[in-house]
Amino acid sequence: MKFPARPDLFLTSFALLAFVALAAAPSARSQQAAVDFNGSTYVGGSGQFGDLELARTPKRARSATSALYEFGPAAPKSDYQGPAFSLGYEVRASEPSDLTVAPEKAVVEDNFANGKGQVNDTIAVTAYGNWPDTGTYSVAAVIVFPISAFTLESFEYSSLNWTNNKSYNDKLRHRWVVQTGGKYYVSVPFLGRPGRRAPDQPSETMQAARTARNFDQWVEYDPSKSMFANLDAPRVILGKALDEVTAVGFYMDSLDFNGAGVGGRQWQLRLIQFAALGEPARARR
């Protein structure tokens, strides 16, 4: 079943839009809208429920050259208190491989150690399996949080990339995602390869403000057709369309990496924290 990109996908859930007052001096923009996934509070409030599988489970794809986890609602089955989100991923291989991600590896995960003396709950997808190192593979994944319309001002997120596949790590790229006017867009500028390759080192935080140079460069993106963004497509300047953003998130891909061999951790997406700040649309009216 396809989940087409549309602005009303999650508007039935208002819990994921929070309004916060700035602690700074009062101003005309002292009230802001925020989508905030902060992975220290969202599994039962204290982590007592353990790992929570996503409501949709990955399809088995043994001896395959492609695997698709269709983009759409991916809330945990129970006891999750964070903002609703959509998730999808796609994998392509140059030769048949075990591309399966087991259901227990697509979870909101409890108390993962992302820094020395620090644990967090994360949205995680991890792919183990037998991917021959003679083959090449490409993976793309996206996490999107739907929101009520607001004027986007800034993004911030941190994630951890911890695999034993150096080829995947070296080619990993992260980018922003927005939805406006009923369409999704992926940012063209490459943000970097956030995270570390060991669980006992701190994660890195990526930030971007609307005023940043090269921020407003995007390509159209339709995850209902393919999880891979076409970054060679014509660039789009959204301009005023960023005043009516209805979903925010991030996109990652790693193209043409080598397999990690038998039984290895082949690729991983692990979101620790995500925030998008801006002014509620109704505040301007």
Protein backbone atom coordinates (compact mmCIF):
# COMPACT_ATOMS: atom_id res chain seq x y z
CA MET A 1 0.00 0.00 0.00
CA LYS A 2 1.38 3.39 -0.96
CA PHE A 3 1.17 6.38 1.35
CA PRO A 4 1.03 9.45 -0.92
CA ALA A 5 2.60 12.66 0.24
CA ARG A 6 -0.18 15.00 1.30
CA PRO A 7 -0.46 17.82 3.81
CA ASP A 8 -3.27 16.27 5.85
CA LEU A 9 -1.47 12.96 6.47
CA PHE A 10 -1.29 13.41 10.23
CA LEU A 11 -3.29 16.55 10.97
CA THR A 12 -5.57 14.46 13.15
CA SER A 13 -2.77 14.31 15.69
CA PHE A 14 -2.32 17.66 17.41
CA ALA A 15 -0.13 16.30 20.19
CA LEU A 16 2.98 16.68 18.05
CA LEU A 17 2.72 20.50 17.86
CA ALA A 18 3.83 22.32 21.01
CA PHE A 19 3.88 26.03 21.68
CA VAL A 20 6.62 27.39 23.85
CA ALA A 21 7.43 30.87 25.15
CA LEU A 22 10.97 32.06 24.64
CA ALA A 23 12.96 32.79 27.76
CA ALA A 24 14.60 35.77 26.09
CA ALA A 25 13.31 39.35 26.25
CA PRO A 26 9.73 39.76 24.95
CA SER A 27 9.33 40.39 21.24
CA ALA A 28 6.69 40.25 18.53
CA ARG A 29 7.81 36.69 17.89
CA SER A 30 7.95 35.49 21.47
CA GLN A 31 5.66 32.54 20.79
CA GLN A 32 7.03 29.76 18.64
CA ALA A 33 5.93 26.40 17.33
CA ALA A 34 8.17 23.42 17.85
CA VAL A 35 8.26 19.82 16.82
CA ASP A 36 10.54 18.16 19.32
CA PHE A 37 11.65 14.55 19.50
CA ASN A 38 14.03 14.33 22.41
CA GLY A 39 15.01 10.75 22.98
CA SER A 40 15.25 10.82 26.76
CA THR A 41 11.55 11.00 27.57
CA TYR A 42 9.43 9.20 25.01
CA VAL A 43 9.21 5.55 26.00
CA GLY A 44 6.61 5.51 28.73
CA GLY A 45 8.18 8.65 30.13
CA SER A 46 10.91 6.70 31.92
CA GLY A 47 11.85 3.81 29.65
CA GLN A 48 10.17 1.08 31.67
CA PHE A 49 8.43 -0.42 28.64
CA GLY A 50 11.58 -1.37 26.76
CA ASP A 51 11.96 -1.42 22.99
CA LEU A 52 8.76 -0.81 21.04
CA GLU A 53 8.35 -2.33 17.59
CA LEU A 54 6.90 -0.17 14.86
CA ALA A 55 3.29 -0.86 13.91
CA ARG A 56 4.38 -1.77 10.37
CA THR A 57 7.00 -4.48 10.04
CA PRO A 58 9.62 -4.79 7.30
CA LYS A 59 8.89 -7.27 4.55
CA ARG A 60 11.25 -10.20 4.12
CA ALA A 61 13.44 -9.87 1.05
CA ARG A 62 15.90 -12.74 1.03
CA SER A 63 18.00 -13.35 -2.09
CA ALA A 64 16.79 -10.04 -3.47
CA THR A 65 18.27 -7.06 -5.26
CA SER A 66 15.86 -4.57 -3.68
CA ALA A 67 13.90 -4.09 -0.46
CA LEU A 68 11.30 -1.42 0.29
CA TYR A 69 9.76 -0.35 3.59
CA GLU A 70 7.03 1.85 2.22
CA PHE A 71 6.83 5.39 3.50
CA GLY A 72 3.96 5.95 5.88
CA PRO A 73 2.87 6.08 9.51
CA ALA A 74 5.30 4.14 11.67
CA ALA A 75 4.25 4.75 15.26
CA PRO A 76 5.28 2.16 17.85
CA LYS A 77 2.61 -0.33 18.80
CA SER A 78 2.13 0.93 22.34
CA ASP A 79 3.31 3.21 25.16
CA TYR A 80 5.05 5.75 22.93
CA GLN A 81 4.55 9.35 24.10
CA GLY A 82 6.50 11.26 21.45
CA PRO A 83 5.35 13.05 18.29
CA ALA A 84 3.86 10.96 15.49
CA PHE A 85 6.15 10.29 12.56
CA SER A 86 6.39 8.63 9.15
CA LEU A 87 9.30 6.40 8.23
CA GLY A 88 10.45 4.60 5.12
CA TYR A 89 13.58 3.11 3.59
CA GLU A 90 14.71 1.47 0.37
CA VAL A 91 17.73 -0.72 -0.37
CA ARG A 92 19.20 -1.67 -3.74
CA ALA A 93 21.89 -4.28 -4.38
CA SER A 94 24.09 -5.14 -7.35
CA GLU A 95 23.58 -8.86 -6.68
CA PRO A 96 21.02 -10.89 -4.72
CA SER A 97 21.53 -10.53 -0.97
CA ASP A 98 19.69 -10.97 2.32
CA LEU A 99 18.26 -7.47 2.58
CA THR A 100 15.82 -8.17 5.41
CA VAL A 101 15.53 -5.87 8.42
CA ALA A 102 14.00 -7.96 11.20
CA PRO A 103 10.99 -6.35 12.95
CA GLU A 104 12.87 -6.10 16.24
CA LYS A 105 15.48 -3.97 14.48
CA ALA A 106 12.94 -1.26 13.49
CA VAL A 107 11.97 0.16 16.87
CA VAL A 108 11.83 3.01 19.30
CA GLU A 109 14.71 1.69 21.34
CA ASP A 110 15.04 2.11 25.08
CA ASN A 111 18.14 3.48 26.78
CA PHE A 112 20.71 3.24 24.00
CA ALA A 113 24.11 4.55 25.11
CA ASN A 114 24.95 7.39 22.74
CA GLY A 115 27.58 9.10 24.89
CA LYS A 116 29.78 8.44 27.89
CA GLY A 117 27.49 8.07 30.87
CA GLN A 118 24.47 9.08 28.78
CA VAL A 119 21.55 7.01 27.45
CA ASN A 120 18.67 7.97 25.19
CA ASP A 121 15.64 6.47 23.55
CA THR A 122 16.01 6.52 19.77
CA ILE A 123 14.04 5.85 16.61
CA ALA A 124 16.17 3.11 15.14
CA VAL A 125 16.42 0.90 12.05
CA THR A 126 19.36 -1.48 11.87
CA ALA A 127 20.12 -3.95 9.07
CA TYR A 128 22.11 -7.07 9.81
CA GLY A 129 22.58 -9.94 7.37
CA ASN A 130 24.73 -11.60 4.77
CA TRP A 131 25.67 -8.92 2.27
CA PRO A 132 28.71 -10.08 0.27
CA ASP A 133 31.50 -7.55 0.23
CA THR A 134 31.88 -8.24 -3.49
CA GLY A 135 28.57 -6.49 -4.09
CA THR A 136 27.60 -2.83 -3.91
CA TYR A 137 24.53 -1.48 -2.15
CA SER A 138 22.59 1.76 -1.85
CA VAL A 139 20.19 2.72 0.92
CA ALA A 140 17.93 5.73 1.43
CA ALA A 141 15.73 6.41 4.45
CA VAL A 142 13.54 9.26 5.67
CA ILE A 143 11.87 10.23 8.94
CA VAL A 144 9.17 12.93 8.78
CA PHE A 145 7.18 14.59 11.57
CA PRO A 146 3.87 16.15 10.44
CA ILE A 147 2.85 19.47 12.02
CA SER A 148 0.23 22.18 11.80
CA ALA A 149 1.29 24.88 9.36
CA PHE A 150 4.06 27.15 10.64
CA THR A 151 6.87 29.38 9.42
CA LEU A 152 10.11 27.41 9.53
CA GLU A 153 13.02 29.17 11.19
CA SER A 154 15.56 26.52 12.11
CA PHE A 155 16.36 22.80 12.33
CA GLU A 156 18.41 20.83 14.80
CA TYR A 157 19.02 17.11 15.13
CA SER A 158 21.48 14.54 16.33
CA SER A 159 21.80 10.95 15.27
CA LEU A 160 24.23 8.13 15.76
CA ASN A 161 25.84 6.14 12.99
CA TRP A 162 27.42 3.08 14.52
CA THR A 163 28.08 0.19 12.16
CA ASN A 164 30.94 -2.15 11.35
CA ASN A 165 30.63 -1.25 7.67
CA LYS A 166 33.23 1.42 6.96
CA SER A 167 32.21 1.71 3.31
CA TYR A 168 28.65 2.63 4.34
CA ASN A 169 29.90 5.08 6.98
CA ASP A 170 32.21 6.85 4.56
CA LYS A 171 29.43 7.46 2.00
CA LEU A 172 26.62 8.39 4.39
CA ARG A 173 24.92 11.75 3.72
CA HIS A 174 22.19 13.55 5.68
CA ARG A 175 19.82 16.29 4.46
CA TRP A 176 16.72 18.17 5.67
CA VAL A 177 13.16 17.43 4.50
CA VAL A 178 10.15 19.77 4.46
CA GLN A 179 6.60 19.52 3.18
CA THR A 180 4.87 22.61 1.87
CA GLY A 181 2.09 23.10 -0.66
CA GLY A 182 1.33 19.38 -0.55
CA LYS A 183 4.80 18.38 -1.78
CA TYR A 184 7.97 17.16 -0.10
CA TYR A 185 11.40 18.67 -0.72
CA VAL A 186 14.92 17.50 0.21
CA SER A 187 17.65 20.06 0.80
CA VAL A 188 20.48 20.04 -1.71
CA PRO A 189 23.39 21.02 0.58
CA PHE A 190 25.04 18.00 2.17
CA LEU A 191 24.97 18.34 5.97
CA GLY A 192 27.70 15.87 6.77
CA ARG A 193 27.98 12.44 8.33
CA PRO A 194 26.72 12.95 11.88
CA GLY A 195 27.38 10.53 14.66
CA ARG A 196 30.30 8.37 15.68
CA ARG A 197 31.31 4.81 14.92
CA ALA A 198 31.44 3.68 18.53
CA PRO A 199 28.68 3.70 21.15
CA ASP A 200 30.81 5.25 23.89
CA GLN A 201 31.48 8.52 22.06
CA PRO A 202 29.12 11.53 22.03
CA SER A 203 26.82 12.07 19.07
CA GLU A 204 27.13 15.19 16.95
CA THR A 205 24.42 17.80 16.52
CA MET A 206 23.54 19.28 13.12
CA GLN A 207 21.89 22.70 12.96
CA ALA A 208 20.64 25.02 10.24
CA ALA A 209 18.79 28.33 10.31
CA ARG A 210 16.64 29.74 7.54
CA THR A 211 19.04 32.67 7.28
CA ALA A 212 22.01 30.39 6.62
CA ARG A 213 23.75 30.60 3.28
CA ASN A 214 22.53 27.98 0.75
CA PHE A 215 19.70 26.90 3.08
CA ASP A 216 16.90 27.58 0.58
CA GLN A 217 17.97 25.11 -2.14
CA TRP A 218 15.77 22.05 -2.56
CA VAL A 219 14.69 19.33 -4.97
CA GLU A 220 11.18 17.90 -5.16
CA TYR A 221 10.85 14.54 -3.42
CA ASP A 222 8.10 11.91 -3.51
CA PRO A 223 8.79 9.09 -1.02
CA SER A 224 5.62 7.29 -2.14
CA LYS A 225 7.43 6.56 -5.44
CA SER A 226 11.03 6.11 -4.30
CA MET A 227 12.91 6.72 -1.10
CA PHE A 228 15.90 7.90 -3.15
CA ALA A 229 15.96 11.65 -3.75
CA ASN A 230 16.99 12.79 -7.24
CA LEU A 231 19.58 15.37 -6.28
CA ASP A 232 20.30 16.08 -9.96
CA ALA A 233 16.76 17.43 -10.41
CA PRO A 234 16.26 21.18 -10.95
CA ARG A 235 16.80 23.13 -7.76
CA VAL A 236 13.85 24.89 -6.17
CA ILE A 237 13.90 28.07 -4.10
CA LEU A 238 10.92 27.77 -1.76
CA GLY A 239 11.02 31.31 -0.41
CA LYS A 240 7.58 32.24 0.97
CA ALA A 241 6.53 28.57 0.80
CA LEU A 242 8.66 28.05 3.92
CA ASP A 243 6.04 30.17 5.72
CA GLU A 244 3.54 27.29 5.35
CA VAL A 245 5.51 24.18 6.26
CA THR A 246 3.33 21.17 7.19
CA ALA A 247 5.96 18.47 7.86
CA VAL A 248 9.65 18.42 8.77
CA GLY A 249 12.28 15.73 9.03
CA PHE A 250 15.53 14.45 7.63
CA TYR A 251 16.72 12.24 4.80
CA MET A 252 19.79 10.00 4.66
CA ASP A 253 21.40 7.95 1.94
CA SER A 254 24.57 6.01 1.30
CA LEU A 255 25.15 5.15 -2.35
CA ASP A 256 27.21 2.33 -3.84
CA PHE A 257 28.85 1.12 -0.65
CA ASN A 258 30.35 -2.33 -0.21
CA GLY A 259 28.76 -5.05 1.89
CA ALA A 260 30.15 -5.89 5.31
CA GLY A 261 30.12 -9.64 4.68
CA VAL A 262 28.36 -12.44 6.54
CA GLY A 263 26.32 -11.53 9.61
CA GLY A 264 27.53 -7.94 9.74
CA ARG A 265 25.74 -4.75 10.74
CA GLN A 266 25.27 -3.40 7.24
CA TRP A 267 23.60 -0.02 7.78
CA GLN A 268 21.84 1.91 10.48
CA LEU A 269 19.54 4.89 11.04
CA ARG A 270 19.28 6.02 14.66
CA LEU A 271 17.63 9.34 15.50
CA ILE A 272 18.40 10.69 18.97
CA GLN A 273 16.92 14.17 18.83
CA PHE A 274 15.10 16.32 16.28
CA ALA A 275 13.64 19.83 16.60
CA ALA A 276 12.20 22.30 14.11
CA LEU A 277 11.39 25.80 15.35
CA GLY A 278 9.23 28.49 13.84
CA GLU A 279 6.29 30.81 14.24
CA PRO A 280 2.78 29.33 14.16
CA ALA A 281 0.94 30.34 11.00
CA ARG A 282 -2.01 31.62 13.01
CA ALA A 283 0.25 34.01 14.93
CA ARG A 284 0.72 36.04 11.75
CA ARG A 285 -3.01 36.52 11.12
